[in-house]
Amino acid sequence: MSGSPSILVVDDDEKNREMLAEALSQVGFEVDIACGGAEALSKANEATYDAVLSDIRMTPLSGLDLLNSFRKTMPEMPIVLLTAFGSVDTAIQAMKQGAYNYITKPVNLEELVFTMTRAVEHRRLIEDNRTLQRAFNERPRTASLIGQSKKMVEVFKLVGRVSRSRTSVLIQGESGTGKELIARAIHDNSPRATHRFVAVNCSAIPDSLLESELFGHIKGSFTGAHILRRGLLEEASGGTFFLDEVGDLSSAGQAKLLRVLQEGEVRRIGSNESIQVDVRIIAASRRNLADLIEAGRFREDLLYRLNTVNIFIPPLRERPEDIPLLAEFFLARYGDEKEVPVTSFSPAAMRALTGYAWPGNVRELEHVVERAVALASHAILSTDDLPPEVLQTNGSHADRIEILPGTLKALQRDQVLKMLESAQGNKERTARLLGISRRTLYRLLDRYGVGKTRLSTEADVSDPTGS
């Protein structure tokens, strides 16, 4: 196969088969054809395809039979089914069994091209995710370091440059942005990768225990110190020590950490003896340490030592172009755990994800996708599978509905009409943006007394691409 996306078209009707193949070839797909299910299975064993387009009604092997066979032998192959308008229920049932999508006859060629393009993109995204997972198999905790936005690409470049040195690094960013993942990536790509990576969250350990955890103690140094204990900084010697929420470290702990950075040594609680350690310090904070210095809660000289290289991780709301990639990655991670694999998002669900502000950042996105997969009863995640807070529409994206004051009925009417205006009167696109069926949209417009004269002349034009 060449570099062009490849599609196998399966139909026992020669005229229909040739028409579909010609339409897809004209837009750049590499197309192969099969006159039935048996031939399709044979060809798929000999060649590699990005997607399959198959009629449902075929004999002796139907499209559903073909789907079931592919699900067993090639479970990630996107299968798009062709069905007569009266057989949509069969197609929906097939989607629950793992079909990627379906197209009703007579075929709208724009819809055909759009659907097959999405199917190919879905297949290649799964392959990209598998490649990423293989690459991170030895470092599973860094698997969520995915992003294509300009801001994240700059972060990745900085990680690559700083990894080879032993310089102290300060990572800043909101909770859930992946500060520990960045620290692990630095360690995993450094000469210290064969040694330990030790992480401590200063906000999760009481002050009375934190110093003992970090620096260790000698027997009898305080009540309860029944034995000598090595601190975690000693345990990390030769490797990397990650100190999360360093702003919560006590004054005494800050002084001792400064000694580690300056002298490369630790002193256990209750001991006058210094112990040499070879450890790289990476610290992180969700708060501005300069503000803590002004408040007298953090040492300025310690900040200078920690802040040799500063890495800022932008919140997810500032890089919305990364949301689909991350969402698809998490879907690939959790979707296969279901008896019927969950394979994709509906357009409305993806719009909801990209339009949400994500106060919990990447961590919250992962939890939302994991929850949606657990609740889903079909192969495609819809808005019904998402939590209510994600479906809130108080954002500024162009395709989202502005919440206006008023009664609930008036609010709903304003929302629908505003989206209709945004779609320039195109009712099919309006229905997709609202995440409802076109029939439901007609009922709402009739209920609101919106006459056809209010709609654009393009209102009934099919626009499967949403452009």
Protein backbone atom coordinates (compact mmCIF):
# COMPACT_ATOMS: atom_id res chain seq x y z
CA MET A 1 0.00 0.00 0.00
CA SER A 2 1.08 3.55 -0.68
CA GLY A 3 1.04 6.46 1.74
CA SER A 4 -2.56 7.35 0.82
CA PRO A 5 -5.31 6.18 3.21
CA SER A 6 -6.52 2.76 2.07
CA ILE A 7 -10.13 1.60 2.14
CA LEU A 8 -11.65 -1.77 1.31
CA VAL A 9 -15.12 -1.41 -0.25
CA VAL A 10 -17.31 -4.51 0.11
CA ASP A 11 -20.61 -4.86 -1.78
CA ASP A 12 -22.18 -7.69 -3.78
CA ASP A 13 -23.89 -5.12 -6.03
CA GLU A 14 -21.30 -4.39 -8.74
CA LYS A 15 -22.80 -1.06 -9.80
CA ASN A 16 -22.97 0.27 -6.25
CA ARG A 17 -19.51 -1.11 -5.46
CA GLU A 18 -17.91 0.67 -8.42
CA MET A 19 -19.74 3.93 -7.66
CA LEU A 20 -18.48 3.98 -4.07
CA ALA A 21 -14.94 3.08 -5.11
CA GLU A 22 -14.87 5.81 -7.75
CA ALA A 23 -16.18 8.46 -5.34
CA LEU A 24 -13.53 7.64 -2.73
CA SER A 25 -10.72 7.37 -5.29
CA GLN A 26 -11.48 10.86 -6.61
CA VAL A 27 -10.76 12.44 -3.21
CA GLY A 28 -7.42 10.67 -2.75
CA PHE A 29 -8.18 7.38 -1.03
CA GLU A 30 -6.52 4.23 -2.26
CA VAL A 31 -9.45 1.87 -2.80
CA ASP A 32 -9.64 -1.90 -3.11
CA ILE A 33 -12.91 -3.75 -3.74
CA ALA A 34 -14.42 -7.07 -2.72
CA CYS A 35 -17.62 -8.59 -4.10
CA GLY A 36 -18.55 -10.19 -0.78
CA GLY A 37 -17.61 -10.92 2.81
CA ALA A 38 -15.48 -13.98 2.08
CA GLU A 39 -13.35 -12.11 -0.45
CA ALA A 40 -13.04 -9.17 1.97
CA LEU A 41 -11.65 -11.41 4.71
CA SER A 42 -9.23 -12.99 2.27
CA LYS A 43 -7.95 -9.62 1.04
CA ALA A 44 -7.63 -8.25 4.60
CA ASN A 45 -5.35 -11.16 5.44
CA GLU A 46 -3.07 -10.29 2.53
CA ALA A 47 -3.05 -6.48 2.64
CA THR A 48 -3.36 -3.68 5.19
CA TYR A 49 -6.32 -1.30 5.11
CA ASP A 50 -7.09 1.78 7.16
CA ALA A 51 -10.87 1.21 7.10
CA VAL A 52 -13.58 -1.00 5.61
CA LEU A 53 -16.83 0.18 3.99
CA SER A 54 -19.33 -2.68 3.72
CA ASP A 55 -22.95 -3.15 2.76
CA ILE A 56 -25.01 -4.93 5.41
CA ARG A 57 -27.28 -6.93 3.08
CA MET A 58 -25.00 -9.46 1.37
CA THR A 59 -25.10 -13.21 0.90
CA PRO A 60 -23.92 -15.67 1.98
CA LEU A 61 -21.75 -13.60 4.39
CA SER A 62 -23.58 -10.44 5.53
CA GLY A 63 -22.04 -7.20 6.63
CA LEU A 64 -22.78 -8.14 10.25
CA ASP A 65 -20.99 -11.46 9.77
CA LEU A 66 -18.04 -9.58 8.31
CA LEU A 67 -18.10 -7.17 11.28
CA ASN A 68 -18.03 -10.03 13.78
CA SER A 69 -15.12 -11.68 11.97
CA PHE A 70 -13.09 -8.47 11.91
CA ARG A 71 -13.83 -7.82 15.59
CA LYS A 72 -12.16 -11.16 16.39
CA THR A 73 -9.19 -10.93 14.03
CA MET A 74 -8.67 -7.16 13.61
CA PRO A 75 -10.52 -5.50 16.51
CA GLU A 76 -9.18 -2.02 15.76
CA MET A 77 -10.24 -1.97 12.11
CA PRO A 78 -12.92 0.75 11.68
CA ILE A 79 -15.95 -0.79 9.94
CA VAL A 80 -18.49 1.57 8.33
CA LEU A 81 -21.74 -0.10 7.28
CA LEU A 82 -24.14 0.81 4.46
CA THR A 83 -27.80 0.33 5.27
CA ALA A 84 -31.17 1.10 3.74
CA PHE A 85 -33.11 3.84 5.52
CA GLY A 86 -35.61 1.33 6.94
CA SER A 87 -32.83 -0.78 8.48
CA VAL A 88 -31.23 1.87 10.68
CA ASP A 89 -32.06 -0.13 13.81
CA THR A 90 -29.90 -2.95 12.50
CA ALA A 91 -27.03 -0.54 11.90
CA ILE A 92 -27.33 0.92 15.39
CA GLN A 93 -27.23 -2.59 16.82
CA ALA A 94 -24.11 -3.22 14.75
CA MET A 95 -22.47 -0.13 16.25
CA LYS A 96 -23.10 -1.58 19.69
CA GLN A 97 -21.21 -4.64 18.48
CA GLY A 98 -18.24 -2.52 17.47
CA ALA A 99 -18.97 -0.90 14.09
CA TYR A 100 -17.38 2.54 13.74
CA ASN A 101 -20.35 4.18 12.01
CA TYR A 102 -23.08 3.66 9.42
CA ILE A 103 -24.32 5.47 6.31
CA THR A 104 -27.88 5.25 5.00
CA LYS A 105 -28.82 4.75 1.34
CA PRO A 106 -29.09 6.54 -0.97
CA VAL A 107 -25.56 7.61 -0.16
CA ASN A 108 -24.75 11.29 0.22
CA LEU A 109 -21.23 11.49 -1.23
CA GLU A 110 -20.14 14.33 1.05
CA GLU A 111 -21.26 12.32 4.07
CA LEU A 112 -19.45 9.29 2.68
CA VAL A 113 -16.14 11.14 2.31
CA PHE A 114 -16.50 12.80 5.72
CA THR A 115 -17.29 9.52 7.51
CA MET A 116 -14.50 7.55 5.86
CA THR A 117 -12.00 10.34 6.57
CA ARG A 118 -12.94 10.24 10.25
CA ALA A 119 -12.68 6.44 10.27
CA VAL A 120 -9.16 6.56 8.82
CA GLU A 121 -8.13 9.26 11.31
CA HIS A 122 -9.51 7.15 14.13
CA ARG A 123 -7.50 4.09 13.02
CA ARG A 124 -4.29 6.06 12.70
CA LEU A 125 -4.82 7.76 16.05
CA ILE A 126 -5.15 4.34 17.70
CA GLU A 127 -1.90 3.28 16.02
CA ASP A 128 -0.18 6.48 17.18
CA ASN A 129 -1.39 5.86 20.72
CA ARG A 130 -0.11 2.29 20.61
CA THR A 131 3.26 3.55 19.43
CA LEU A 132 3.33 6.04 22.29
CA GLN A 133 2.37 3.37 24.80
CA ARG A 134 5.11 1.05 23.52
CA ALA A 135 7.61 3.89 23.77
CA PHE A 136 6.57 4.55 27.36
CA ASN A 137 6.29 0.91 28.45
CA GLU A 138 9.43 1.22 30.52
CA ARG A 139 8.20 4.52 31.93
CA PRO A 140 4.46 4.01 32.36
CA ARG A 141 3.92 7.06 34.51
CA THR A 142 4.93 9.43 31.71
CA ALA A 143 2.35 8.05 29.27
CA SER A 144 0.08 11.09 29.63
CA LEU A 145 2.76 13.47 28.36
CA ILE A 146 0.92 14.11 25.13
CA GLY A 147 0.34 17.44 23.43
CA GLN A 148 0.57 19.14 20.09
CA SER A 149 -0.04 22.74 21.14
CA LYS A 150 2.78 25.22 20.73
CA LYS A 151 3.01 25.71 24.50
CA MET A 152 3.42 22.00 25.25
CA VAL A 153 5.89 21.49 22.41
CA GLU A 154 8.06 24.18 24.04
CA VAL A 155 7.77 22.35 27.39
CA PHE A 156 8.87 19.09 25.76
CA LYS A 157 11.84 20.82 24.12
CA LEU A 158 12.90 22.26 27.48
CA VAL A 159 12.58 18.84 29.12
CA GLY A 160 14.85 17.39 26.45
CA ARG A 161 17.49 20.08 26.94
CA VAL A 162 17.57 19.97 30.74
CA SER A 163 17.44 16.17 31.12
CA ARG A 164 21.14 15.59 30.39
CA SER A 165 22.37 17.90 33.15
CA ARG A 166 22.12 17.64 36.94
CA THR A 167 20.77 21.19 37.29
CA SER A 168 17.96 21.81 39.78
CA VAL A 169 14.58 22.38 38.16
CA LEU A 170 11.46 24.15 39.41
CA ILE A 171 8.20 23.08 37.77
CA GLN A 172 5.19 25.35 38.17
CA GLY A 173 1.60 24.83 37.16
CA GLU A 174 -1.90 24.24 38.47
CA SER A 175 -2.95 20.98 40.12
CA GLY A 176 -3.53 18.24 37.59
CA THR A 177 -1.34 19.66 34.83
CA GLY A 178 1.22 16.87 35.15
CA LYS A 179 4.10 18.33 37.17
CA GLU A 180 5.21 14.94 38.46
CA LEU A 181 4.98 13.51 34.94
CA ILE A 182 7.36 16.20 33.71
CA ALA A 183 9.73 15.46 36.59
CA ARG A 184 9.67 11.74 35.76
CA ALA A 185 10.30 12.51 32.09
CA ILE A 186 13.39 14.52 33.05
CA HIS A 187 14.63 11.66 35.23
CA ASP A 188 13.83 8.96 32.65
CA ASN A 189 15.79 10.78 29.95
CA SER A 190 18.78 11.59 32.18
CA PRO A 191 21.95 9.63 32.98
CA ARG A 192 20.28 8.93 36.36
CA ALA A 193 17.47 6.89 34.79
CA THR A 194 18.90 3.59 36.08
CA HIS A 195 18.70 4.88 39.67
CA ARG A 196 15.70 5.71 41.84
CA PHE A 197 13.13 8.41 41.30
CA VAL A 198 11.74 9.32 44.73
CA ALA A 199 8.71 11.61 45.00
CA VAL A 200 7.31 13.34 48.09
CA ASN A 201 4.29 15.64 48.30
CA CYS A 202 5.01 18.14 51.07
CA SER A 203 1.32 19.03 51.46
CA ALA A 204 0.35 15.38 52.06
CA ILE A 205 2.67 14.76 55.05
CA PRO A 206 2.20 16.45 58.47
CA ASP A 207 4.93 18.94 59.38
CA SER A 208 5.86 16.82 62.40
CA LEU A 209 6.77 13.90 60.13
CA LEU A 210 7.99 15.61 56.96
CA GLU A 211 11.54 16.39 58.11
CA SER A 212 11.97 12.84 59.37
CA GLU A 213 10.72 11.48 56.04
CA LEU A 214 13.12 13.66 54.05
CA PHE A 215 16.25 13.61 56.18
CA GLY A 216 15.86 10.58 58.43
CA HIS A 217 16.51 10.39 62.18
CA ILE A 218 18.64 8.61 64.72
CA LYS A 219 17.30 6.37 67.46
CA GLY A 220 15.90 8.34 70.40
CA SER A 221 15.97 11.71 68.61
CA PHE A 222 12.26 12.25 69.43
CA THR A 223 9.35 10.38 70.94
CA GLY A 224 8.60 7.38 68.79
CA ALA A 225 12.04 7.27 67.15
CA HIS A 226 12.75 3.71 68.26
CA ILE A 227 15.21 2.89 65.47
CA LEU A 228 17.62 4.69 63.17
CA ARG A 229 15.95 5.62 59.90
CA ARG A 230 17.46 6.69 56.60
CA GLY A 231 15.69 9.64 54.98
CA LEU A 232 14.25 9.61 51.47
CA LEU A 233 16.99 11.95 50.25
CA GLU A 234 19.53 9.26 51.18
CA GLU A 235 17.38 6.64 49.48
CA ALA A 236 17.40 8.73 46.30
CA SER A 237 21.18 9.11 46.20
CA GLY A 238 22.41 8.53 42.66
CA GLY A 239 18.96 9.32 41.28
CA THR A 240 16.38 12.10 41.35
CA PHE A 241 14.39 13.50 44.25
CA PHE A 242 11.07 15.16 43.39
CA LEU A 243 9.68 17.52 45.99
CA ASP A 244 6.08 18.39 45.12
CA GLU A 245 4.43 21.45 46.68
CA VAL A 246 7.77 22.61 48.03
CA GLY A 247 6.08 25.81 49.25
CA ASP A 248 4.54 23.78 52.09
CA LEU A 249 7.96 22.79 53.49
CA SER A 250 8.61 24.08 57.02
CA SER A 251 11.27 26.71 57.74
CA ALA A 252 13.59 24.12 59.28
CA GLY A 253 13.02 21.80 56.34
CA GLN A 254 13.81 24.63 53.90
CA ALA A 255 17.13 25.29 55.68
CA LYS A 256 18.09 21.63 55.49
CA LEU A 257 17.07 21.38 51.83
CA LEU A 258 19.26 24.40 51.07
CA ARG A 259 22.18 22.53 52.67
CA VAL A 260 21.53 19.57 50.37
CA LEU A 261 21.62 21.86 47.34
CA GLN A 262 24.71 23.77 48.47
CA GLU A 263 26.82 21.05 50.05
CA GLY A 264 25.37 17.81 48.73
CA GLU A 265 24.84 16.44 52.24
CA VAL A 266 22.05 15.67 54.69
CA ARG A 267 21.95 15.55 58.47
CA ARG A 268 19.53 13.19 60.19
CA ILE A 269 17.34 14.57 62.94
CA GLY A 270 19.20 14.32 66.24
CA SER A 271 22.59 13.79 64.60
CA ASN A 272 25.60 16.07 64.19
CA GLU A 273 27.03 13.92 61.44
CA SER A 274 26.65 14.95 57.78
CA ILE A 275 26.09 12.33 55.13
CA GLN A 276 27.08 12.94 51.52
CA VAL A 277 24.37 12.35 48.94
CA ASP A 278 24.44 12.56 45.16
CA VAL A 279 20.91 13.55 44.27
CA ARG A 280 19.27 15.80 41.72
CA ILE A 281 16.49 17.95 43.15
CA ILE A 282 13.39 18.72 41.11
CA ALA A 283 10.79 20.79 42.94
CA ALA A 284 7.25 21.76 41.99
CA SER A 285 4.64 24.19 43.21
CA ARG A 286 1.13 25.20 42.23
CA ARG A 287 1.64 28.52 44.03
CA ASN A 288 3.87 31.47 43.20
CA LEU A 289 6.91 31.08 45.45
CA ALA A 290 7.79 34.76 45.05
CA ASP A 291 4.50 35.61 46.78
CA LEU A 292 5.40 33.23 49.62
CA ILE A 293 8.77 34.99 49.97
CA GLU A 294 7.00 38.35 50.35
CA ALA A 295 4.75 36.79 52.98
CA GLY A 296 7.83 35.54 54.85
CA ARG A 297 6.93 31.88 54.32
CA PHE A 298 9.69 30.84 51.92
CA ARG A 299 13.44 31.44 51.77
CA GLU A 300 14.63 33.61 48.93
CA ASP A 301 18.03 31.91 48.77
CA LEU A 302 16.32 28.51 48.46
CA LEU A 303 14.23 29.76 45.55
CA TYR A 304 17.40 30.88 43.77
CA ARG A 305 18.88 27.40 44.21
CA LEU A 306 15.74 25.60 43.06
CA ASN A 307 14.95 27.92 40.18
CA THR A 308 18.02 27.29 38.05
CA VAL A 309 15.69 26.12 35.28
CA ASN A 310 12.00 26.99 35.45
CA ILE A 311 9.38 24.98 33.58
CA PHE A 312 5.80 26.27 33.51
CA ILE A 313 3.06 23.84 32.47
CA PRO A 314 0.07 25.72 31.01
CA PRO A 315 -3.41 24.75 32.21
CA LEU A 316 -5.52 22.69 29.82
CA ARG A 317 -7.92 25.58 29.17
CA GLU A 318 -5.04 27.51 27.56
CA ARG A 319 -4.29 24.69 25.09
CA PRO A 320 -7.69 23.36 23.95
CA GLU A 321 -6.11 21.88 20.81
CA ASP A 322 -4.56 19.20 23.07
CA ILE A 323 -7.94 18.08 24.46
CA PRO A 324 -9.02 15.82 21.53
CA LEU A 325 -5.61 14.13 21.43
CA LEU A 326 -5.61 13.51 25.19
CA ALA A 327 -9.24 12.39 25.18
CA GLU A 328 -8.60 9.89 22.38
CA PHE A 329 -5.50 8.65 24.20
CA PHE A 330 -7.44 8.03 27.42
CA LEU A 331 -10.26 6.44 25.43
CA ALA A 332 -7.77 4.02 23.87
CA ARG A 333 -6.46 3.25 27.36
CA TYR A 334 -9.83 2.53 28.99
CA GLY A 335 -12.09 1.69 26.05
CA ASP A 336 -10.69 -1.79 25.48
CA GLU A 337 -11.51 -2.78 29.05
CA LYS A 338 -15.21 -3.07 28.16
CA GLU A 339 -16.75 -6.29 26.87
CA VAL A 340 -17.92 -4.23 23.89
CA PRO A 341 -15.00 -1.84 23.26
CA VAL A 342 -15.74 1.88 23.34
CA THR A 343 -14.04 3.25 20.25
CA SER A 344 -14.90 6.92 19.68
CA PHE A 345 -16.66 10.11 20.75
CA SER A 346 -19.74 11.58 19.12
CA PRO A 347 -19.13 15.03 17.62
CA ALA A 348 -21.33 16.61 20.30
CA ALA A 349 -19.41 14.86 23.09
CA MET A 350 -16.07 16.00 21.70
CA ARG A 351 -17.39 19.57 21.41
CA ALA A 352 -18.43 19.41 25.06
CA LEU A 353 -14.96 18.21 26.08
CA THR A 354 -13.13 20.88 24.09
CA GLY A 355 -15.47 23.60 25.32
CA TYR A 356 -15.13 22.82 29.04
CA ALA A 357 -12.67 24.86 31.13
CA TRP A 358 -11.14 21.81 32.94
CA PRO A 359 -10.32 23.31 36.35
CA GLY A 360 -8.77 19.95 37.27
CA ASN A 361 -6.72 19.93 34.05
CA VAL A 362 -5.43 16.69 32.49
CA ARG A 363 -6.13 14.66 35.62
CA GLU A 364 -9.79 15.68 35.51
CA LEU A 365 -10.03 14.90 31.78
CA GLU A 366 -8.67 11.41 32.36
CA HIS A 367 -11.17 10.77 35.16
CA VAL A 368 -14.07 12.05 33.02
CA VAL A 369 -13.13 9.76 30.11
CA GLU A 370 -12.64 6.79 32.45
CA ARG A 371 -16.07 7.46 34.01
CA ALA A 372 -17.75 7.88 30.63
CA VAL A 373 -16.33 4.57 29.40
CA ALA A 374 -17.52 2.82 32.56
CA LEU A 375 -21.08 4.15 32.07
CA ALA A 376 -21.27 3.76 28.28
CA SER A 377 -23.57 1.09 26.86
CA HIS A 378 -22.44 1.52 23.27
CA ALA A 379 -19.31 1.92 21.17
CA ILE A 380 -19.55 5.70 20.78
CA LEU A 381 -19.45 8.01 23.79
CA SER A 382 -22.21 10.62 23.68
CA THR A 383 -23.05 13.64 25.81
CA ASP A 384 -25.30 11.34 27.88
CA ASP A 385 -22.14 9.65 29.19
CA LEU A 386 -20.52 12.90 30.36
CA PRO A 387 -20.98 14.45 33.81
CA PRO A 388 -23.26 17.52 34.11
CA GLU A 389 -20.45 19.95 34.82
CA VAL A 390 -18.77 19.20 31.49
CA LEU A 391 -22.03 19.97 29.68
CA GLN A 392 -22.29 23.43 31.16
CA THR A 393 -22.12 26.07 28.45
CA ASN A 394 -20.62 29.13 30.11
CA GLY A 395 -17.61 29.37 27.79
CA SER A 396 -16.53 31.63 24.96
CA HIS A 397 -16.06 29.14 22.10
CA ALA A 398 -17.91 30.08 18.94
CA ASP A 399 -19.98 26.91 18.78
CA ARG A 400 -21.12 27.01 22.39
CA ILE A 401 -24.36 28.51 23.65
CA GLU A 402 -24.26 31.59 25.82
CA ILE A 403 -26.36 31.22 28.97
CA LEU A 404 -28.82 34.10 29.18
CA PRO A 405 -31.04 35.17 32.09
CA GLY A 406 -34.73 34.35 32.07
CA THR A 407 -37.15 31.52 32.61
CA LEU A 408 -36.15 27.98 31.75
CA LYS A 409 -38.43 27.88 28.71
CA ALA A 410 -37.18 31.25 27.44
CA LEU A 411 -33.60 30.21 28.14
CA GLN A 412 -33.98 27.04 26.07
CA ARG A 413 -35.60 28.99 23.23
CA ASP A 414 -32.81 31.58 23.24
CA GLN A 415 -30.20 28.83 23.22
CA VAL A 416 -31.70 27.06 20.23
CA LEU A 417 -32.20 30.26 18.22
CA LYS A 418 -28.71 31.50 19.02
CA MET A 419 -27.23 28.22 17.78
CA LEU A 420 -29.43 28.37 14.67
CA GLU A 421 -28.08 31.83 13.97
CA SER A 422 -24.52 30.63 14.57
CA ALA A 423 -25.09 27.87 12.01
CA GLN A 424 -26.44 30.45 9.51
CA GLY A 425 -29.82 28.77 9.43
CA ASN A 426 -28.49 25.33 8.58
CA LYS A 427 -30.79 23.05 10.59
CA GLU A 428 -28.71 19.92 10.21
CA ARG A 429 -25.62 21.62 11.57
CA THR A 430 -27.69 23.29 14.32
CA ALA A 431 -28.96 19.89 15.47
CA ARG A 432 -25.38 18.53 15.57
CA LEU A 433 -24.11 21.53 17.53
CA LEU A 434 -26.92 21.10 20.06
CA GLY A 435 -26.36 17.34 20.25
CA ILE A 436 -29.98 16.55 19.31
CA SER A 437 -31.66 14.92 16.32
CA ARG A 438 -32.93 17.00 13.43
CA ARG A 439 -36.49 15.81 14.16
CA THR A 440 -36.19 17.12 17.74
CA LEU A 441 -34.94 20.45 16.42
CA TYR A 442 -37.99 20.74 14.11
CA ARG A 443 -40.31 20.07 17.06
CA LEU A 444 -38.58 22.75 19.13
CA LEU A 445 -38.76 25.30 16.32
CA ASP A 446 -42.45 24.52 15.82
CA ARG A 447 -43.04 24.87 19.57
CA TYR A 448 -41.30 28.25 19.58
CA GLY A 449 -43.33 29.44 16.61
CA VAL A 450 -40.31 29.99 14.41
CA GLY A 451 -41.54 30.17 10.81
CA LYS A 452 -39.62 28.98 7.80
CA THR A 453 -39.23 32.56 6.63
CA ARG A 454 -36.88 33.14 9.52
CA LEU A 455 -34.53 30.44 8.30
CA SER A 456 -31.82 30.85 5.73
CA THR A 457 -32.32 29.42 2.25
CA GLU A 458 -29.50 27.05 3.23
CA ALA A 459 -31.49 25.69 6.18
CA ASP A 460 -32.33 22.40 4.52
CA VAL A 461 -29.00 21.89 2.79
CA SER A 462 -27.14 18.86 4.10
CA ASP A 463 -23.74 19.78 5.51
CA PRO A 464 -22.16 16.62 6.88
CA THR A 465 -18.81 18.27 7.42
CA GLY A 466 -20.25 20.96 9.66
CA SER A 467 -18.34 23.61 7.73
